[in-house]
Amino acid sequence: MEKVRAATIQQKLGFKDDDLKTPKHDEIVLWVSGHALDIVTAIWGTRAQWTPEQICELNASLEEAYQPVERVIMTDLPVRNPISVDKVKWEVPIMSDKYVVGFVDLMLKWSWDEVTIDTGGGWAISHPNAKVTWEVKRFSQVVCIEAKSSIPSLGELVRQIRLYEQYCEKPYVVVSPDARYADVLKSQGIEFYHYEEDPYEEAMR
């Protein structure tokens, strides 16, 4: 019988992701697609609204920028638009030139607002009566998500993600009902989101 050849660099290096063939894996991927905003908000939710710490930092930077000028520090920040998930894409190939390294389960693009001080090109520093305003900018980030129905080997999971990082330097999130290694993954710069199974749905299978 002819030996099946490895199709990706990941497979050539001996990484076998048997989880891909399980219904639970598909279930988690489907769930992530419909709850991407929940995941982003849970991990990076501080970007959803202005926090007291951010207000203090911005006011401190304003005071520093306009130290020679006596003026009232602004405390009313502009409305911050909600976090949004702009796109979700399944099974995205991680490429090295023309070779496929592997496939990340999902990639999503999300956006959030940041605020800076609009100094009018520095003109306002020398004009005490000039109006200083906040400037809101919209930023976006692409995130890679790996869905795992279980994590039988933490080392193999970390190696898989480290391999992907060599060719696709994005934040990585593992979504799984198996939360045993959540803290370890976070300590390694890999985010974790706990997928909670519906106990009634599980009982009816």
N, C-alpha and C. Protein backbone atom coordinates (compact mmCIF):
# COMPACT_ATOMS: atom_id res chain seq x y z
N MET A 1 0.85 -1.20 0.00
CA MET A 1 0.00 0.00 0.00
C MET A 1 0.88 1.25 0.00
N GLU A 2 0.54 2.22 -0.80
CA GLU A 2 1.33 3.44 -0.90
C GLU A 2 1.19 4.26 0.38
N LYS A 3 2.32 4.72 0.88
CA LYS A 3 2.32 5.52 2.11
C LYS A 3 1.76 6.91 1.84
N VAL A 4 0.88 7.36 2.72
CA VAL A 4 0.29 8.69 2.57
C VAL A 4 1.34 9.75 2.90
N ARG A 5 1.53 10.68 2.00
CA ARG A 5 2.54 11.72 2.20
C ARG A 5 1.96 12.86 3.02
N ALA A 6 2.80 13.46 3.86
CA ALA A 6 2.37 14.60 4.68
C ALA A 6 2.06 15.78 3.77
N ALA A 7 0.96 16.44 4.03
CA ALA A 7 0.53 17.54 3.18
C ALA A 7 1.04 18.89 3.65
N THR A 8 1.39 19.01 4.92
CA THR A 8 1.84 20.29 5.46
C THR A 8 3.17 20.10 6.20
N ILE A 9 3.86 21.22 6.43
CA ILE A 9 5.10 21.18 7.21
C ILE A 9 4.82 20.67 8.61
N GLN A 10 3.68 21.08 9.16
CA GLN A 10 3.28 20.63 10.49
C GLN A 10 3.22 19.10 10.56
N GLN A 11 2.64 18.47 9.55
CA GLN A 11 2.54 17.02 9.53
C GLN A 11 3.91 16.37 9.33
N LYS A 12 4.75 17.00 8.52
CA LYS A 12 6.10 16.46 8.29
C LYS A 12 6.92 16.46 9.57
N LEU A 13 6.63 17.41 10.45
CA LEU A 13 7.34 17.49 11.73
C LEU A 13 6.73 16.57 12.79
N GLY A 14 5.69 15.86 12.40
CA GLY A 14 5.12 14.87 13.31
C GLY A 14 3.95 15.34 14.14
N PHE A 15 3.43 16.54 13.87
CA PHE A 15 2.27 17.04 14.60
C PHE A 15 1.00 16.44 13.99
N LYS A 16 0.28 15.67 14.77
CA LYS A 16 -0.97 15.07 14.30
C LYS A 16 -2.12 15.64 15.13
N ASP A 17 -3.00 16.33 14.47
CA ASP A 17 -4.14 16.92 15.16
C ASP A 17 -5.38 16.08 14.86
N ASP A 18 -5.51 14.98 15.62
CA ASP A 18 -6.67 14.10 15.43
C ASP A 18 -7.97 14.75 15.87
N ASP A 19 -7.85 15.84 16.62
CA ASP A 19 -9.04 16.55 17.11
C ASP A 19 -9.88 17.08 15.95
N LEU A 20 -9.22 17.35 14.83
CA LEU A 20 -9.93 17.90 13.67
C LEU A 20 -11.05 16.99 13.16
N LYS A 21 -10.93 15.69 13.43
CA LYS A 21 -11.89 14.72 12.90
C LYS A 21 -13.08 14.50 13.83
N THR A 22 -13.09 15.17 14.99
CA THR A 22 -14.14 14.90 15.97
C THR A 22 -15.30 15.88 15.83
N PRO A 23 -16.53 15.42 16.09
CA PRO A 23 -17.69 16.32 16.06
C PRO A 23 -17.57 17.46 17.07
N LYS A 24 -16.92 17.17 18.20
CA LYS A 24 -16.77 18.21 19.23
C LYS A 24 -15.94 19.38 18.72
N HIS A 25 -14.92 19.08 17.93
CA HIS A 25 -14.10 20.16 17.36
C HIS A 25 -14.96 21.05 16.47
N ASP A 26 -15.77 20.45 15.61
CA ASP A 26 -16.65 21.24 14.74
C ASP A 26 -17.64 22.06 15.57
N GLU A 27 -18.13 21.44 16.64
CA GLU A 27 -19.08 22.14 17.52
C GLU A 27 -18.45 23.40 18.11
N ILE A 28 -17.19 23.28 18.55
CA ILE A 28 -16.51 24.43 19.16
C ILE A 28 -16.24 25.51 18.12
N VAL A 29 -15.81 25.10 16.93
CA VAL A 29 -15.54 26.07 15.86
C VAL A 29 -16.82 26.82 15.49
N LEU A 30 -17.93 26.10 15.38
CA LEU A 30 -19.21 26.74 15.09
C LEU A 30 -19.60 27.71 16.19
N TRP A 31 -19.38 27.30 17.43
CA TRP A 31 -19.72 28.16 18.57
C TRP A 31 -18.86 29.43 18.57
N VAL A 32 -17.56 29.27 18.31
CA VAL A 32 -16.67 30.43 18.27
C VAL A 32 -17.12 31.41 17.20
N SER A 33 -17.52 30.90 16.04
CA SER A 33 -17.98 31.78 14.96
C SER A 33 -19.13 32.66 15.40
N GLY A 34 -20.02 32.10 16.21
CA GLY A 34 -21.18 32.85 16.65
C GLY A 34 -20.97 33.66 17.92
N HIS A 35 -19.84 33.43 18.60
CA HIS A 35 -19.58 34.11 19.88
C HIS A 35 -18.22 34.79 19.89
N ALA A 36 -17.73 35.16 18.72
CA ALA A 36 -16.40 35.78 18.62
C ALA A 36 -16.33 37.07 19.44
N LEU A 37 -17.41 37.85 19.44
CA LEU A 37 -17.41 39.10 20.19
C LEU A 37 -17.31 38.84 21.69
N ASP A 38 -17.96 37.78 22.17
CA ASP A 38 -17.87 37.42 23.59
C ASP A 38 -16.43 37.08 23.97
N ILE A 39 -15.75 36.35 23.10
CA ILE A 39 -14.37 35.95 23.38
C ILE A 39 -13.44 37.16 23.43
N VAL A 40 -13.57 38.02 22.41
CA VAL A 40 -12.73 39.23 22.35
C VAL A 40 -12.99 40.12 23.57
N THR A 41 -14.24 40.28 23.93
CA THR A 41 -14.59 41.15 25.06
C THR A 41 -14.06 40.58 26.36
N ALA A 42 -14.13 39.26 26.52
CA ALA A 42 -13.65 38.63 27.76
C ALA A 42 -12.14 38.79 27.92
N ILE A 43 -11.41 38.74 26.81
CA ILE A 43 -9.94 38.80 26.89
C ILE A 43 -9.42 40.24 26.86
N TRP A 44 -10.00 41.05 25.98
CA TRP A 44 -9.52 42.43 25.81
C TRP A 44 -10.60 43.45 26.13
N GLY A 45 -11.46 43.13 27.07
CA GLY A 45 -12.63 43.96 27.36
C GLY A 45 -12.32 45.34 27.90
N THR A 46 -11.10 45.57 28.42
CA THR A 46 -10.77 46.90 28.93
C THR A 46 -10.74 47.94 27.82
N ARG A 47 -10.71 47.48 26.58
CA ARG A 47 -10.72 48.41 25.45
C ARG A 47 -12.15 48.78 25.05
N ALA A 48 -13.13 48.28 25.80
CA ALA A 48 -14.52 48.55 25.45
C ALA A 48 -15.02 49.88 26.01
N GLN A 49 -14.38 50.37 27.06
CA GLN A 49 -14.81 51.63 27.65
C GLN A 49 -13.61 52.28 28.34
N TRP A 50 -13.73 53.59 28.58
CA TRP A 50 -12.64 54.29 29.25
C TRP A 50 -12.64 53.89 30.73
N THR A 51 -11.48 53.51 31.23
CA THR A 51 -11.36 53.16 32.64
C THR A 51 -10.81 54.36 33.41
N PRO A 52 -11.04 54.42 34.74
CA PRO A 52 -10.46 55.52 35.54
C PRO A 52 -8.95 55.63 35.38
N GLU A 53 -8.28 54.47 35.24
CA GLU A 53 -6.82 54.50 35.06
C GLU A 53 -6.43 55.19 33.76
N GLN A 54 -7.18 54.90 32.70
CA GLN A 54 -6.89 55.55 31.41
C GLN A 54 -7.12 57.05 31.49
N ILE A 55 -8.18 57.46 32.16
CA ILE A 55 -8.47 58.88 32.31
C ILE A 55 -7.33 59.58 33.04
N CYS A 56 -6.84 58.97 34.12
CA CYS A 56 -5.73 59.55 34.88
C CYS A 56 -4.47 59.66 34.03
N GLU A 57 -4.18 58.61 33.26
CA GLU A 57 -3.00 58.62 32.40
C GLU A 57 -3.08 59.71 31.34
N LEU A 58 -4.25 59.85 30.73
CA LEU A 58 -4.42 60.85 29.69
C LEU A 58 -4.34 62.26 30.26
N ASN A 59 -4.94 62.47 31.41
CA ASN A 59 -4.86 63.78 32.03
C ASN A 59 -3.44 64.12 32.46
N ALA A 60 -2.69 63.10 32.93
CA ALA A 60 -1.30 63.32 33.31
C ALA A 60 -0.47 63.71 32.09
N SER A 61 -0.72 63.03 30.96
CA SER A 61 0.03 63.37 29.75
C SER A 61 -0.34 64.76 29.25
N LEU A 62 -1.59 65.14 29.46
CA LEU A 62 -2.02 66.49 29.06
C LEU A 62 -1.34 67.54 29.93
N GLU A 63 -1.28 67.28 31.23
CA GLU A 63 -0.61 68.21 32.15
C GLU A 63 0.86 68.37 31.78
N GLU A 64 1.51 67.25 31.45
CA GLU A 64 2.93 67.29 31.10
C GLU A 64 3.16 68.07 29.81
N ALA A 65 2.28 67.84 28.82
CA ALA A 65 2.44 68.51 27.53
C ALA A 65 2.25 70.02 27.64
N TYR A 66 1.39 70.43 28.57
CA TYR A 66 1.05 71.85 28.68
C TYR A 66 1.47 72.42 30.03
N GLN A 67 2.60 71.96 30.54
CA GLN A 67 3.09 72.40 31.84
C GLN A 67 3.23 73.92 31.94
N PRO A 68 3.74 74.60 30.89
CA PRO A 68 3.90 76.06 31.02
C PRO A 68 2.57 76.82 31.00
N VAL A 69 1.51 76.14 30.62
CA VAL A 69 0.24 76.82 30.43
C VAL A 69 -0.73 76.42 31.54
N GLU A 70 -1.35 77.41 32.13
CA GLU A 70 -2.33 77.13 33.18
C GLU A 70 -3.69 76.90 32.52
N ARG A 71 -4.16 75.70 32.61
CA ARG A 71 -5.44 75.41 31.99
C ARG A 71 -6.13 74.27 32.72
N VAL A 72 -7.43 74.17 32.55
CA VAL A 72 -8.21 73.13 33.19
C VAL A 72 -8.01 71.81 32.46
N ILE A 73 -7.75 70.75 33.21
CA ILE A 73 -7.56 69.45 32.60
C ILE A 73 -8.93 68.87 32.23
N MET A 74 -9.04 68.34 31.04
CA MET A 74 -10.31 67.78 30.58
C MET A 74 -10.57 66.43 31.23
N THR A 75 -11.78 66.19 31.64
CA THR A 75 -12.15 64.90 32.20
C THR A 75 -13.25 64.22 31.39
N ASP A 76 -13.95 64.97 30.56
CA ASP A 76 -15.03 64.40 29.77
C ASP A 76 -14.47 63.80 28.48
N LEU A 77 -14.35 62.49 28.47
CA LEU A 77 -13.83 61.82 27.29
C LEU A 77 -14.93 61.59 26.27
N PRO A 78 -14.58 61.50 25.01
CA PRO A 78 -15.59 61.28 23.96
C PRO A 78 -16.20 59.88 24.08
N VAL A 79 -17.31 59.70 23.43
CA VAL A 79 -17.96 58.39 23.43
C VAL A 79 -17.04 57.37 22.75
N ARG A 80 -16.90 56.25 23.40
CA ARG A 80 -16.06 55.20 22.83
C ARG A 80 -16.95 54.20 22.11
N ASN A 81 -16.74 54.03 20.82
CA ASN A 81 -17.54 53.09 20.06
C ASN A 81 -17.30 51.67 20.56
N PRO A 82 -18.31 50.82 20.48
CA PRO A 82 -18.17 49.45 20.98
C PRO A 82 -17.10 48.67 20.21
N ILE A 83 -16.53 47.69 20.90
CA ILE A 83 -15.67 46.71 20.23
C ILE A 83 -16.49 46.01 19.15
N SER A 84 -15.87 45.74 18.03
CA SER A 84 -16.58 45.03 16.95
C SER A 84 -15.71 43.91 16.40
N VAL A 85 -16.36 42.84 15.99
CA VAL A 85 -15.68 41.77 15.24
C VAL A 85 -16.07 41.96 13.78
N ASP A 86 -15.09 42.27 12.96
CA ASP A 86 -15.35 42.66 11.58
C ASP A 86 -15.37 41.47 10.61
N LYS A 87 -14.63 40.42 10.96
CA LYS A 87 -14.56 39.28 10.02
C LYS A 87 -14.10 38.04 10.77
N VAL A 88 -14.68 36.90 10.43
CA VAL A 88 -14.27 35.60 10.96
C VAL A 88 -14.05 34.66 9.78
N LYS A 89 -12.90 34.01 9.75
CA LYS A 89 -12.57 33.12 8.62
C LYS A 89 -12.09 31.77 9.15
N TRP A 90 -12.60 30.71 8.58
CA TRP A 90 -12.26 29.35 9.00
C TRP A 90 -11.05 28.80 8.24
N GLU A 91 -10.33 27.90 8.92
CA GLU A 91 -9.27 27.07 8.31
C GLU A 91 -8.36 27.88 7.40
N VAL A 92 -7.68 28.83 8.00
CA VAL A 92 -6.79 29.71 7.23
C VAL A 92 -5.39 29.08 7.16
N PRO A 93 -4.82 28.92 5.97
CA PRO A 93 -3.49 28.32 5.87
C PRO A 93 -2.40 29.27 6.38
N ILE A 94 -1.48 28.72 7.17
CA ILE A 94 -0.28 29.44 7.57
C ILE A 94 0.80 29.08 6.55
N MET A 95 1.32 30.09 5.87
CA MET A 95 2.20 29.84 4.73
C MET A 95 3.66 30.18 5.02
N SER A 96 4.55 29.41 4.40
CA SER A 96 5.97 29.72 4.33
C SER A 96 6.34 29.69 2.86
N ASP A 97 6.42 30.88 2.27
CA ASP A 97 6.56 30.99 0.82
C ASP A 97 5.40 30.25 0.16
N LYS A 98 5.68 29.21 -0.61
CA LYS A 98 4.62 28.48 -1.31
C LYS A 98 4.19 27.22 -0.56
N TYR A 99 4.78 26.99 0.62
CA TYR A 99 4.48 25.78 1.38
C TYR A 99 3.49 26.08 2.50
N VAL A 100 2.60 25.12 2.74
CA VAL A 100 1.63 25.26 3.82
C VAL A 100 2.23 24.70 5.11
N VAL A 101 2.35 25.54 6.12
CA VAL A 101 2.87 25.12 7.42
C VAL A 101 1.79 24.34 8.16
N GLY A 102 0.57 24.87 8.14
CA GLY A 102 -0.55 24.26 8.83
C GLY A 102 -1.78 25.13 8.62
N PHE A 103 -2.85 24.78 9.30
CA PHE A 103 -4.10 25.53 9.18
C PHE A 103 -4.55 25.95 10.57
N VAL A 104 -4.76 27.25 10.76
CA VAL A 104 -5.31 27.72 12.02
C VAL A 104 -6.83 27.60 11.92
N ASP A 105 -7.47 27.15 12.99
CA ASP A 105 -8.91 26.86 12.93
C ASP A 105 -9.73 28.08 12.52
N LEU A 106 -9.46 29.22 13.15
CA LEU A 106 -10.17 30.45 12.80
C LEU A 106 -9.23 31.64 12.91
N MET A 107 -9.45 32.62 12.04
CA MET A 107 -8.85 33.94 12.18
C MET A 107 -9.99 34.94 12.28
N LEU A 108 -9.85 35.87 13.20
CA LEU A 108 -10.85 36.93 13.27
C LEU A 108 -10.18 38.29 13.34
N LYS A 109 -10.86 39.26 12.80
CA LYS A 109 -10.38 40.64 12.85
C LYS A 109 -11.36 41.44 13.70
N TRP A 110 -10.83 42.11 14.73
CA TRP A 110 -11.68 42.91 15.60
C TRP A 110 -11.12 44.32 15.73
N SER A 111 -11.96 45.27 16.13
CA SER A 111 -11.57 46.68 16.18
C SER A 111 -12.00 47.32 17.49
N TRP A 112 -11.25 48.35 17.88
CA TRP A 112 -11.56 49.09 19.10
C TRP A 112 -11.07 50.53 18.96
N ASP A 113 -11.54 51.38 19.85
CA ASP A 113 -11.15 52.80 19.85
C ASP A 113 -10.04 53.07 20.86
N GLU A 114 -9.14 53.97 20.50
CA GLU A 114 -8.16 54.53 21.42
C GLU A 114 -8.27 56.04 21.34
N VAL A 115 -7.82 56.72 22.37
CA VAL A 115 -7.91 58.18 22.40
C VAL A 115 -6.54 58.78 22.68
N THR A 116 -6.23 59.87 22.00
CA THR A 116 -5.00 60.62 22.23
C THR A 116 -5.36 62.10 22.32
N ILE A 117 -4.37 62.91 22.61
CA ILE A 117 -4.58 64.35 22.70
C ILE A 117 -4.28 64.99 21.36
N ASP A 118 -5.22 65.74 20.84
CA ASP A 118 -5.01 66.47 19.60
C ASP A 118 -4.42 67.83 19.95
N THR A 119 -3.12 67.98 19.70
CA THR A 119 -2.42 69.21 20.07
C THR A 119 -2.44 70.26 18.98
N GLY A 120 -3.07 69.96 17.88
CA GLY A 120 -3.07 70.92 16.78
C GLY A 120 -1.68 71.13 16.22
N GLY A 121 -0.92 70.03 16.17
CA GLY A 121 0.45 70.13 15.65
C GLY A 121 1.39 70.87 16.58
N GLY A 122 1.06 70.94 17.88
CA GLY A 122 1.90 71.61 18.85
C GLY A 122 1.63 73.10 18.97
N TRP A 123 0.78 73.63 18.09
CA TRP A 123 0.50 75.06 18.09
C TRP A 123 -0.10 75.52 19.42
N ALA A 124 -0.93 74.66 20.02
CA ALA A 124 -1.65 75.06 21.23
C ALA A 124 -0.75 75.25 22.44
N ILE A 125 0.44 74.66 22.42
CA ILE A 125 1.31 74.77 23.59
C ILE A 125 1.68 76.22 23.87
N SER A 126 1.90 76.99 22.82
CA SER A 126 2.31 78.39 23.00
C SER A 126 1.13 79.34 22.96
N HIS A 127 -0.09 78.83 22.91
CA HIS A 127 -1.29 79.67 22.87
C HIS A 127 -2.25 79.22 23.97
N PRO A 128 -2.17 79.86 25.12
CA PRO A 128 -2.96 79.44 26.28
C PRO A 128 -4.46 79.36 26.02
N ASN A 129 -4.96 80.16 25.10
CA ASN A 129 -6.41 80.16 24.86
C ASN A 129 -6.84 79.17 23.79
N ALA A 130 -5.88 78.46 23.21
CA ALA A 130 -6.22 77.49 22.17
C ALA A 130 -6.95 76.30 22.77
N LYS A 131 -7.86 75.74 22.02
CA LYS A 131 -8.66 74.62 22.50
C LYS A 131 -7.92 73.31 22.27
N VAL A 132 -7.82 72.51 23.31
CA VAL A 132 -7.20 71.19 23.22
C VAL A 132 -8.32 70.16 23.22
N THR A 133 -8.28 69.21 22.31
CA THR A 133 -9.35 68.23 22.18
C THR A 133 -8.81 66.81 22.20
N TRP A 134 -9.70 65.89 22.47
CA TRP A 134 -9.37 64.48 22.38
C TRP A 134 -9.50 64.02 20.92
N GLU A 135 -8.64 63.10 20.52
CA GLU A 135 -8.71 62.54 19.18
C GLU A 135 -8.93 61.03 19.29
N VAL A 136 -10.03 60.54 18.75
CA VAL A 136 -10.35 59.12 18.80
C VAL A 136 -9.91 58.45 17.51
N LYS A 137 -9.18 57.34 17.66
CA LYS A 137 -8.73 56.58 16.49
C LYS A 137 -9.19 55.13 16.63
N ARG A 138 -9.54 54.53 15.50
CA ARG A 138 -10.00 53.16 15.46
C ARG A 138 -8.84 52.25 15.07
N PHE A 139 -8.60 51.22 15.86
CA PHE A 139 -7.53 50.27 15.58
C PHE A 139 -8.12 48.88 15.34
N SER A 140 -7.39 48.06 14.61
CA SER A 140 -7.83 46.69 14.32
C SER A 140 -6.70 45.71 14.62
N GLN A 141 -7.09 44.49 14.89
CA GLN A 141 -6.12 43.43 15.18
C GLN A 141 -6.65 42.10 14.65
N VAL A 142 -5.76 41.29 14.10
CA VAL A 142 -6.12 39.94 13.66
C VAL A 142 -5.67 38.96 14.72
N VAL A 143 -6.54 38.02 15.07
CA VAL A 143 -6.28 37.04 16.12
C VAL A 143 -6.48 35.64 15.55
N CYS A 144 -5.60 34.72 15.94
CA CYS A 144 -5.72 33.32 15.53
C CYS A 144 -6.32 32.50 16.68
N ILE A 145 -7.26 31.63 16.34
CA ILE A 145 -7.93 30.83 17.37
C ILE A 145 -7.78 29.35 17.04
N GLU A 146 -7.38 28.60 18.05
CA GLU A 146 -7.30 27.14 17.94
C GLU A 146 -8.37 26.53 18.83
N ALA A 147 -9.26 25.74 18.24
CA ALA A 147 -10.31 25.05 18.98
C ALA A 147 -9.83 23.65 19.34
N LYS A 148 -9.98 23.28 20.62
CA LYS A 148 -9.55 21.96 21.08
C LYS A 148 -10.64 21.34 21.93
N SER A 149 -11.10 20.15 21.54
CA SER A 149 -12.11 19.47 22.34
C SER A 149 -11.52 18.95 23.65
N SER A 150 -10.22 18.71 23.64
CA SER A 150 -9.46 18.35 24.84
C SER A 150 -8.00 18.66 24.58
N ILE A 151 -7.21 18.67 25.65
CA ILE A 151 -5.77 18.95 25.51
C ILE A 151 -5.00 17.78 26.13
N PRO A 152 -4.84 16.69 25.38
CA PRO A 152 -4.13 15.54 25.93
C PRO A 152 -2.65 15.79 26.16
N SER A 153 -2.06 16.70 25.36
CA SER A 153 -0.64 17.01 25.51
C SER A 153 -0.44 18.52 25.43
N LEU A 154 -0.13 19.12 26.56
CA LEU A 154 0.12 20.57 26.59
C LEU A 154 1.33 20.92 25.74
N GLY A 155 2.37 20.12 25.85
CA GLY A 155 3.60 20.39 25.10
C GLY A 155 3.37 20.42 23.60
N GLU A 156 2.58 19.47 23.10
CA GLU A 156 2.33 19.42 21.66
C GLU A 156 1.51 20.62 21.21
N LEU A 157 0.56 21.05 22.04
CA LEU A 157 -0.24 22.23 21.70
C LEU A 157 0.64 23.48 21.63
N VAL A 158 1.51 23.65 22.61
CA VAL A 158 2.40 24.82 22.63
C VAL A 158 3.36 24.77 21.44
N ARG A 159 3.87 23.59 21.13
CA ARG A 159 4.78 23.47 19.97
C ARG A 159 4.06 23.83 18.68
N GLN A 160 2.82 23.39 18.53
CA GLN A 160 2.04 23.72 17.34
C GLN A 160 1.90 25.24 17.19
N ILE A 161 1.57 25.90 18.29
CA ILE A 161 1.38 27.35 18.22
C ILE A 161 2.71 28.07 18.01
N ARG A 162 3.78 27.59 18.63
CA ARG A 162 5.10 28.20 18.42
C ARG A 162 5.52 28.07 16.95
N LEU A 163 5.19 26.94 16.34
CA LEU A 163 5.50 26.76 14.91
C LEU A 163 4.73 27.77 14.09
N TYR A 164 3.45 27.94 14.37
CA TYR A 164 2.65 28.92 13.64
C TYR A 164 3.18 30.33 13.83
N GLU A 165 3.62 30.64 15.05
CA GLU A 165 4.12 31.99 15.34
C GLU A 165 5.34 32.36 14.50
N GLN A 166 6.11 31.37 14.10
CA GLN A 166 7.28 31.65 13.27
C GLN A 166 6.90 32.24 11.92
N TYR A 167 5.68 31.93 11.44
CA TYR A 167 5.24 32.37 10.12
C TYR A 167 4.04 33.32 10.17
N CYS A 168 3.40 33.40 11.32
CA CYS A 168 2.23 34.26 11.46
C CYS A 168 2.23 34.83 12.88
N GLU A 169 2.84 36.00 13.04
CA GLU A 169 3.00 36.61 14.36
C GLU A 169 1.73 37.38 14.74
N LYS A 170 0.78 36.66 15.27
CA LYS A 170 -0.48 37.23 15.74
C LYS A 170 -0.75 36.73 17.16
N PRO A 171 -1.66 37.37 17.88
CA PRO A 171 -2.08 36.78 19.16
C PRO A 171 -2.81 35.46 18.90
N TYR A 172 -2.57 34.47 19.77
CA TYR A 172 -3.23 33.18 19.64
C TYR A 172 -4.11 32.92 20.86
N VAL A 173 -5.29 32.37 20.58
CA VAL A 173 -6.25 32.04 21.64
C VAL A 173 -6.63 30.58 21.49
N VAL A 174 -6.55 29.83 22.58
CA VAL A 174 -7.04 28.46 22.60
C VAL A 174 -8.42 28.46 23.23
N VAL A 175 -9.39 27.86 22.56
CA VAL A 175 -10.74 27.73 23.08
C VAL A 175 -11.01 26.25 23.30
N SER A 176 -11.32 25.89 24.56
CA SER A 176 -11.48 24.48 24.88
C SER A 176 -12.29 24.30 26.16
N PRO A 177 -13.01 23.18 26.28
CA PRO A 177 -13.66 22.87 27.56
C PRO A 177 -12.66 22.37 28.60
N ASP A 178 -11.46 22.01 28.13
CA ASP A 178 -10.39 21.51 29.01
C ASP A 178 -9.56 22.70 29.50
N ALA A 179 -9.84 23.15 30.72
CA ALA A 179 -9.21 24.37 31.24
C ALA A 179 -8.05 24.08 32.19
N ARG A 180 -7.54 22.85 32.21
CA ARG A 180 -6.47 22.49 33.16
C ARG A 180 -5.22 23.34 32.99
N TYR A 181 -4.92 23.73 31.75
CA TYR A 181 -3.66 24.40 31.48
C TYR A 181 -3.84 25.88 31.14
N ALA A 182 -4.98 26.44 31.51
CA ALA A 182 -5.27 27.84 31.16
C ALA A 182 -4.19 28.78 31.66
N ASP A 183 -3.81 28.65 32.92
CA ASP A 183 -2.80 29.55 33.50
C ASP A 183 -1.44 29.38 32.86
N VAL A 184 -1.08 28.13 32.56
CA VAL A 184 0.22 27.87 31.92
C VAL A 184 0.26 28.49 30.54
N LEU A 185 -0.82 28.32 29.79
CA LEU A 185 -0.87 28.90 28.45
C LEU A 185 -0.74 30.43 28.52
N LYS A 186 -1.46 31.05 29.45
CA LYS A 186 -1.39 32.50 29.59
C LYS A 186 0.02 32.95 29.96
N SER A 187 0.69 32.16 30.80
CA SER A 187 2.07 32.51 31.17
C SER A 187 3.02 32.43 29.99
N GLN A 188 2.62 31.69 28.95
CA GLN A 188 3.42 31.55 27.74
C GLN A 188 2.98 32.52 26.64
N GLY A 189 2.11 33.46 27.00
CA GLY A 189 1.66 34.46 26.03
C GLY A 189 0.58 33.96 25.10
N ILE A 190 -0.08 32.86 25.48
CA ILE A 190 -1.18 32.30 24.68
C ILE A 190 -2.47 32.47 25.47
N GLU A 191 -3.42 33.17 24.91
CA GLU A 191 -4.67 33.41 25.64
C GLU A 191 -5.53 32.13 25.65
N PHE A 192 -6.40 32.05 26.66
CA PHE A 192 -7.27 30.89 26.79
C PHE A 192 -8.69 31.36 27.07
N TYR A 193 -9.65 30.72 26.39
CA TYR A 193 -11.07 30.98 26.67
C TYR A 193 -11.75 29.65 26.94
N HIS A 194 -12.43 29.58 28.08
CA HIS A 194 -13.06 28.32 28.50
C HIS A 194 -14.40 28.14 27.80
N TYR A 195 -14.47 27.12 26.97
CA TYR A 195 -15.72 26.76 26.30
C TYR A 195 -16.51 25.87 27.25
N GLU A 196 -17.66 26.36 27.68
CA GLU A 196 -18.48 25.62 28.63
C GLU A 196 -19.57 24.85 27.90
N GLU A 197 -19.53 23.55 28.06
CA GLU A 197 -20.51 22.69 27.41
C GLU A 197 -21.87 22.79 28.09
N ASP A 198 -22.91 22.64 27.30
CA ASP A 198 -24.27 22.61 27.83
C ASP A 198 -24.51 21.22 28.43
N PRO A 199 -24.69 21.10 29.75
CA PRO A 199 -24.82 19.79 30.37
C PRO A 199 -26.06 19.03 29.89
N TYR A 200 -27.13 19.74 29.55
CA TYR A 200 -28.34 19.07 29.08
C TYR A 200 -28.16 18.54 27.66
N GLU A 201 -27.47 19.34 26.85
CA GLU A 201 -27.21 18.87 25.48
C GLU A 201 -26.31 17.65 25.51
N GLU A 202 -25.31 17.67 26.42
CA GLU A 202 -24.39 16.55 26.54
C GLU A 202 -25.14 15.30 27.01
N ALA A 203 -26.10 15.48 27.92
CA ALA A 203 -26.84 14.33 28.47
C ALA A 203 -27.76 13.70 27.42
N MET A 204 -28.17 14.47 26.42
CA MET A 204 -29.10 13.97 25.42
C MET A 204 -28.40 13.27 24.25
N ARG A 205 -27.11 13.21 24.29
CA ARG A 205 -26.41 12.57 23.18
C ARG A 205 -26.43 11.05 23.33
